[in-house]
C-alpha atoms as a PDB file:
ATOM      1  CA  MET A   1     -13.981  62.313  37.834  1.00  0.00           C
ATOM      2  CA  LYS A   2     -15.438  61.312  34.485  1.00  0.00           C
ATOM      3  CA  LEU A   3     -12.798  64.036  32.854  1.00  0.00           C
ATOM      4  CA  ALA A   4      -9.868  62.262  34.712  1.00  0.00           C
ATOM      5  CA  TYR A   5     -10.935  58.894  34.075  1.00  0.00           C
ATOM      6  CA  LYS A   6     -10.894  59.971  29.959  1.00  0.00           C
ATOM      7  CA  ALA A   7      -8.078  61.709  30.101  1.00  0.00           C
ATOM      8  CA  GLY A   8      -6.004  58.579  31.811  1.00  0.00           C
ATOM      9  CA  PHE A   9      -7.347  56.606  29.370  1.00  0.00           C
ATOM     10  CA  LEU A  10      -6.533  58.541  26.421  1.00  0.00           C
ATOM     11  CA  LEU A  11      -3.104  58.678  27.714  1.00  0.00           C
ATOM     12  CA  PHE A  12      -2.978  54.982  28.304  1.00  0.00           C
ATOM     13  CA  LEU A  13      -3.928  54.474  24.482  1.00  0.00           C
ATOM     14  CA  GLY A  14      -1.510  56.989  23.114  1.00  0.00           C
ATOM     15  CA  CYS A  15       1.374  55.302  24.949  1.00  0.00           C
ATOM     16  CA  LEU A  16       0.135  52.076  23.588  1.00  0.00           C
ATOM     17  CA  LEU A  17       0.016  53.163  19.981  1.00  0.00           C
ATOM     18  CA  ALA A  18       3.269  54.595  20.475  1.00  0.00           C
ATOM     19  CA  SER A  19       4.848  51.379  21.476  1.00  0.00           C
ATOM     20  CA  THR A  20       3.463  49.667  18.696  1.00  0.00           C
ATOM     21  CA  ALA A  21       4.368  52.064  16.014  1.00  0.00           C
ATOM     22  CA  THR A  22       8.028  52.002  17.487  1.00  0.00           C
ATOM     23  CA  ALA A  23       8.541  48.290  17.203  1.00  0.00           C
ATOM     24  CA  SER A  24       7.069  48.349  13.982  1.00  0.00           C
ATOM     25  CA  ASP A  25       9.384  50.770  12.747  1.00  0.00           C
ATOM     26  CA  ARG A  26      12.510  48.555  13.305  1.00  0.00           C
ATOM     27  CA  PRO A  27      14.003  47.404  10.270  1.00  0.00           C
ATOM     28  CA  SER A  28      13.171  43.536   9.481  1.00  0.00           C
ATOM     29  CA  GLN A  29      15.579  40.951   7.844  1.00  0.00           C
ATOM     30  CA  GLU A  30      14.415  38.174   5.912  1.00  0.00           C
ATOM     31  CA  PHE A  31      15.604  34.854   7.241  1.00  0.00           C
ATOM     32  CA  SER A  32      15.158  31.344   5.611  1.00  0.00           C
ATOM     33  CA  LYS A  33      15.031  27.769   6.521  1.00  0.00           C
ATOM     34  CA  SER A  34      14.401  24.802   3.547  1.00  0.00           C
ATOM     35  CA  ILE A  35      13.342  21.250   4.565  1.00  0.00           C
ATOM     36  CA  LYS A  36      13.766  18.630   1.534  1.00  0.00           C
ATOM     37  CA  LYS A  37      13.020  15.153   1.540  1.00  0.00           C
ATOM     38  CA  GLU A  38      12.290  12.670  -1.145  1.00  0.00           C
ATOM     39  CA  PHE A  39      10.187   9.455  -1.520  1.00  0.00           C
ATOM     40  CA  ALA A  40       9.702   6.600  -3.586  1.00  0.00           C
ATOM     41  CA  ILE A  41       6.251   5.936  -4.808  1.00  0.00           C
ATOM     42  CA  SER A  42       4.167   3.662  -7.103  1.00  0.00           C
ATOM     43  CA  SER A  43       3.410   5.231 -10.187  1.00  0.00           C
ATOM     44  CA  ASN A  44      -0.410   5.037  -9.477  1.00  0.00           C
ATOM     45  CA  GLY A  45      -0.203   6.168  -5.849  1.00  0.00           C
ATOM     46  CA  THR A  46      -1.382   9.577  -4.310  1.00  0.00           C
ATOM     47  CA  ALA A  47       0.479  12.567  -3.240  1.00  0.00           C
ATOM     48  CA  ALA A  48      -1.170  15.098  -0.768  1.00  0.00           C
ATOM     49  CA  MET A  49       0.189  18.321   0.050  1.00  0.00           C
ATOM     50  CA  TYR A  50      -1.627  20.646   3.142  1.00  0.00           C
ATOM     51  CA  ASN A  51      -0.146  24.084   3.286  1.00  0.00           C
ATOM     52  CA  GLN A  52      -0.898  27.503   4.598  1.00  0.00           C
ATOM     53  CA  TYR A  53       0.452  30.701   4.471  1.00  0.00           C
ATOM     54  CA  GLY A  54       2.551  30.076   1.338  1.00  0.00           C
ATOM     55  CA  LYS A  55       2.379  28.387  -2.410  1.00  0.00           C
ATOM     56  CA  ILE A  56       2.277  25.243  -3.470  1.00  0.00           C
ATOM     57  CA  ASP A  57       3.925  24.480  -6.781  1.00  0.00           C
ATOM     58  CA  VAL A  58       3.435  20.780  -8.299  1.00  0.00           C
ATOM     59  CA  LYS A  59       5.718  20.237 -11.258  1.00  0.00           C
ATOM     60  CA  THR A  60       5.927  16.811 -13.338  1.00  0.00           C
ATOM     61  CA  TRP A  61       9.114  14.541 -13.924  1.00  0.00           C
ATOM     62  CA  GLN A  62       9.673  11.170 -15.237  1.00  0.00           C
ATOM     63  CA  GLN A  63      10.749   9.305 -11.600  1.00  0.00           C
ATOM     64  CA  ASN A  64       8.802   7.360  -9.516  1.00  0.00           C
ATOM     65  CA  ARG A  65       9.466   9.613  -6.858  1.00  0.00           C
ATOM     66  CA  VAL A  66       7.979  12.686  -4.884  1.00  0.00           C
ATOM     67  CA  LYS A  67      10.331  15.242  -3.878  1.00  0.00           C
ATOM     68  CA  VAL A  68       9.029  17.913  -1.187  1.00  0.00           C
ATOM     69  CA  GLU A  69      10.957  21.085  -0.985  1.00  0.00           C
ATOM     70  CA  VAL A  70       9.538  23.348   1.652  1.00  0.00           C
ATOM     71  CA  THR A  71      10.941  26.601   2.270  1.00  0.00           C
ATOM     72  CA  ILE A  72      10.260  28.664   5.163  1.00  0.00           C
ATOM     73  CA  THR A  73      10.791  32.491   4.788  1.00  0.00           C
ATOM     74  CA  VAL A  74      10.584  34.932   7.996  1.00  0.00           C
ATOM     75  CA  GLU A  75      10.755  38.501   8.110  1.00  0.00           C
ATOM     76  CA  ALA A  76      11.717  39.693  11.535  1.00  0.00           C
ATOM     77  CA  ARG A  77      13.863  42.150  13.584  1.00  0.00           C
ATOM     78  CA  ASN A  78      16.721  39.767  14.229  1.00  0.00           C
ATOM     79  CA  GLU A  79      17.573  35.995  14.181  1.00  0.00           C
ATOM     80  CA  SER A  80      16.375  35.291  17.560  1.00  0.00           C
ATOM     81  CA  ASP A  81      12.864  36.685  16.721  1.00  0.00           C
ATOM     82  CA  ALA A  82      13.018  34.693  13.307  1.00  0.00           C
ATOM     83  CA  GLN A  83      13.926  31.186  15.309  1.00  0.00           C
ATOM     84  CA  LYS A  84      11.115  31.784  17.388  1.00  0.00           C
ATOM     85  CA  VAL A  85       8.750  31.707  14.207  1.00  0.00           C
ATOM     86  CA  PHE A  86      10.669  28.612  12.773  1.00  0.00           C
ATOM     87  CA  ASP A  87       9.977  26.925  16.337  1.00  0.00           C
ATOM     88  CA  ARG A  88       6.360  27.275  15.757  1.00  0.00           C
ATOM     89  CA  ILE A  89       6.156  25.822  12.398  1.00  0.00           C
ATOM     90  CA  LYS A  90       6.404  21.900  11.538  1.00  0.00           C
ATOM     91  CA  VAL A  91       6.017  20.107   8.319  1.00  0.00           C
ATOM     92  CA  GLU A  92       4.986  16.701   9.245  1.00  0.00           C
ATOM     93  CA  PHE A  93       5.714  13.812   6.705  1.00  0.00           C
ATOM     94  CA  GLU A  94       4.086  10.539   5.838  1.00  0.00           C
ATOM     95  CA  ASP A  95       4.878   8.175   3.285  1.00  0.00           C
ATOM     96  CA  ARG A  96       4.247   4.681   2.182  1.00  0.00           C
ATOM     97  CA  ALA A  97       4.720   2.711  -1.080  1.00  0.00           C
ATOM     98  CA  ASP A  98       1.490   4.036  -2.684  1.00  0.00           C
ATOM     99  CA  TYR A  99       0.908   7.552  -0.357  1.00  0.00           C
ATOM    100  CA  VAL A 100       3.004  10.224   0.547  1.00  0.00           C
ATOM    101  CA  LYS A 101       1.762  13.656   2.778  1.00  0.00           C
ATOM    102  CA  ALA A 102       3.569  16.415   3.814  1.00  0.00           C
ATOM    103  CA  GLU A 103       1.494  18.982   5.884  1.00  0.00           C
ATOM    104  CA  THR A 104       2.341  22.191   7.454  1.00  0.00           C
ATOM    105  CA  LEU A 105       1.250  22.525  11.220  1.00  0.00           C
ATOM    106  CA  ILE A 106       1.843  25.849  12.881  1.00  0.00           C
ATOM    107  CA  GLU A 107       1.684  26.721  16.750  1.00  0.00           C
ATOM    108  CA  SER A 108      -0.357  29.170  17.995  1.00  0.00           C
ATOM    109  CA  SER A 109       1.724  32.338  19.492  1.00  0.00           C
ATOM    110  CA  GLN A 110       2.139  32.175  23.079  1.00  0.00           C
ATOM    111  CA  ASN A 111       2.087  36.011  23.245  1.00  0.00           C
ATOM    112  CA  SER A 112       0.641  38.037  26.361  1.00  0.00           C
ATOM    113  CA  TRP A 113      -2.215  40.506  25.552  1.00  0.00           C
ATOM    114  CA  TRP A 114       0.273  43.174  27.177  1.00  0.00           C
ATOM    115  CA  ASN A 115       3.450  42.872  24.322  1.00  0.00           C
ATOM    116  CA  TRP A 116       0.622  42.718  21.439  1.00  0.00           C
ATOM    117  CA  GLY A 117       1.989  44.257  18.495  1.00  0.00           C
ATOM    118  CA  SER A 118       5.621  43.921  19.234  1.00  0.00           C
ATOM    119  CA  ASP A 119       6.094  40.641  17.354  1.00  0.00           C
ATOM    120  CA  LYS A 120       5.665  41.791  13.834  1.00  0.00           C
ATOM    121  CA  SER A 121       7.408  38.904  12.286  1.00  0.00           C
ATOM    122  CA  GLU A 122       5.769  37.734   8.918  1.00  0.00           C
ATOM    123  CA  PHE A 123       6.228  34.435   7.198  1.00  0.00           C
ATOM    124  CA  SER A 124       5.729  32.496   4.359  1.00  0.00           C
ATOM    125  CA  ILE A 125       5.443  28.624   3.852  1.00  0.00           C
ATOM    126  CA  ASP A 126       6.047  27.684   0.304  1.00  0.00           C
ATOM    127  CA  TYR A 127       6.172  23.886  -1.260  1.00  0.00           C
ATOM    128  CA  GLU A 128       8.333  22.797  -4.736  1.00  0.00           C
ATOM    129  CA  VAL A 129       6.832  19.508  -5.301  1.00  0.00           C
ATOM    130  CA  PHE A 130       7.938  17.083  -8.019  1.00  0.00           C
ATOM    131  CA  VAL A 131       5.597  14.181  -8.544  1.00  0.00           C
ATOM    132  CA  PRO A 132       5.104  11.444 -11.578  1.00  0.00           C
ATOM    133  CA  ARG A 133       2.463  12.806 -14.062  1.00  0.00           C
ATOM    134  CA  SER A 134       0.204   9.778 -13.391  1.00  0.00           C
ATOM    135  CA  LEU A 135       0.035  10.357  -9.797  1.00  0.00           C
ATOM    136  CA  GLN A 136      -3.242  11.409  -7.896  1.00  0.00           C
ATOM    137  CA  LEU A 137      -3.143  14.579  -6.360  1.00  0.00           C
ATOM    138  CA  ASP A 138      -4.909  15.762  -2.703  1.00  0.00           C
ATOM    139  CA  LEU A 139      -4.040  19.254  -2.400  1.00  0.00           C
ATOM    140  CA  GLN A 140      -4.983  21.650   0.267  1.00  0.00           C
ATOM    141  CA  ASN A 141      -3.956  25.431   0.609  1.00  0.00           C
ATOM    142  CA  LYS A 142      -5.293  28.596   2.811  1.00  0.00           C
ATOM    143  CA  TYR A 143      -3.739  31.967   1.967  1.00  0.00           C
ATOM    144  CA  GLY A 144      -1.600  30.990  -0.949  1.00  0.00           C
ATOM    145  CA  ASP A 145      -1.593  30.070  -4.499  1.00  0.00           C
ATOM    146  CA  VAL A 146      -1.419  26.674  -5.972  1.00  0.00           C
ATOM    147  CA  TYR A 147       0.359  25.872  -9.537  1.00  0.00           C
ATOM    148  CA  VAL A 148      -0.191  22.500 -11.158  1.00  0.00           C
ATOM    149  CA  GLY A 149       1.578  20.990 -14.324  1.00  0.00           C
ATOM    150  CA  GLU A 150       0.095  18.933 -16.629  1.00  0.00           C
ATOM    151  CA  MET A 151      -1.066  15.624 -14.881  1.00  0.00           C
ATOM    152  CA  ASP A 152      -2.964  12.645 -15.847  1.00  0.00           C
ATOM    153  CA  GLY A 153      -3.889  11.297 -12.537  1.00  0.00           C
ATOM    154  CA  GLN A 154      -7.313  12.295 -10.531  1.00  0.00           C
ATOM    155  CA  GLY A 155      -7.025  15.221  -8.291  1.00  0.00           C
ATOM    156  CA  GLU A 156      -8.737  16.889  -5.498  1.00  0.00           C
ATOM    157  CA  VAL A 157      -7.626  20.599  -4.843  1.00  0.00           C
ATOM    158  CA  ARG A 158      -9.161  22.868  -2.244  1.00  0.00           C
ATOM    159  CA  VAL A 159      -7.824  26.632  -2.546  1.00  0.00           C
ATOM    160  CA  LYS A 160      -9.068  28.926   0.058  1.00  0.00           C
ATOM    161  CA  TYR A 161      -7.808  32.874  -0.138  1.00  0.00           C
ATOM    162  CA  GLY A 162      -5.727  31.895  -3.144  1.00  0.00           C
ATOM    163  CA  ASN A 163      -5.278  31.604  -6.848  1.00  0.00           C
ATOM    164  CA  PHE A 164      -5.117  28.452  -8.875  1.00  0.00           C
ATOM    165  CA  ARG A 165      -3.344  27.526 -12.211  1.00  0.00           C
ATOM    166  CA  LEU A 166      -3.361  24.413 -13.796  1.00  0.00           C
ATOM    167  CA  GLU A 167      -1.655  23.651 -17.274  1.00  0.00           C
ATOM    168  CA  GLY A 168      -3.664  20.589 -17.923  1.00  0.00           C
ATOM    169  CA  PHE A 169      -5.441  17.523 -16.073  1.00  0.00           C
ATOM    170  CA  ASN A 170      -6.473  14.735 -18.241  1.00  0.00           C
ATOM    171  CA  ASN A 171      -8.546  13.016 -15.636  1.00  0.00           C
ATOM    172  CA  ASP A 172     -11.205  13.707 -13.100  1.00  0.00           C
ATOM    173  CA  LEU A 173     -10.525  16.825 -11.193  1.00  0.00           C
ATOM    174  CA  GLU A 174     -12.697  17.850  -8.300  1.00  0.00           C
ATOM    175  CA  LEU A 175     -11.540  21.782  -7.267  1.00  0.00           C
ATOM    176  CA  GLU A 176     -12.600  23.843  -4.219  1.00  0.00           C
ATOM    177  CA  LEU A 177     -11.834  27.397  -4.891  1.00  0.00           C
ATOM    178  CA  ALA A 178     -12.842  30.198  -2.401  1.00  0.00           C
ATOM    179  CA  TYR A 179     -11.794  34.042  -2.564  1.00  0.00           C
ATOM    180  CA  GLY A 180      -9.495  33.335  -5.324  1.00  0.00           C
ATOM    181  CA  ASN A 181      -9.025  33.149  -9.248  1.00  0.00           C
ATOM    182  CA  GLY A 182      -8.447  29.882 -11.143  1.00  0.00           C
ATOM    183  CA  ALA A 183      -6.724  29.513 -14.687  1.00  0.00           C
END
């Protein structure tokens, strides 16, 4: 009886692994979606960017505006699978005269346990942000790098599982860096 149970379990496990391997062998394609927003802001305002699974690249310019360009890139077997991932990813914006925020929100996948491994889609969410040099920054990023140009305003930056690079900060900067490198 025990031998039959073990043989049945091994057969089930072998089928599960074979189906997972077959699904992962399918060639994937790259699909992308862009979101672009631009907001007026006072020169001493705050820009807050909260992201995960991608990079944040902050550049300075000589305008009292914040421009946010988000590129979501998905590697999937087909356009339908990519669209399912796009549908789960939202970027929420908030803006006032002295405050602009962009935040990545990701809904959890509704996959059941029996189709585990069939969705091999990978994705990244990359922010390119243009801000006035005098602005205050509030940045949070998980699972991605953060790059910041030279800034004069104060800043608070939290990076987990990514690297941080700063060209220069001419004011107070509170930095929390976990599981990454900084320069």
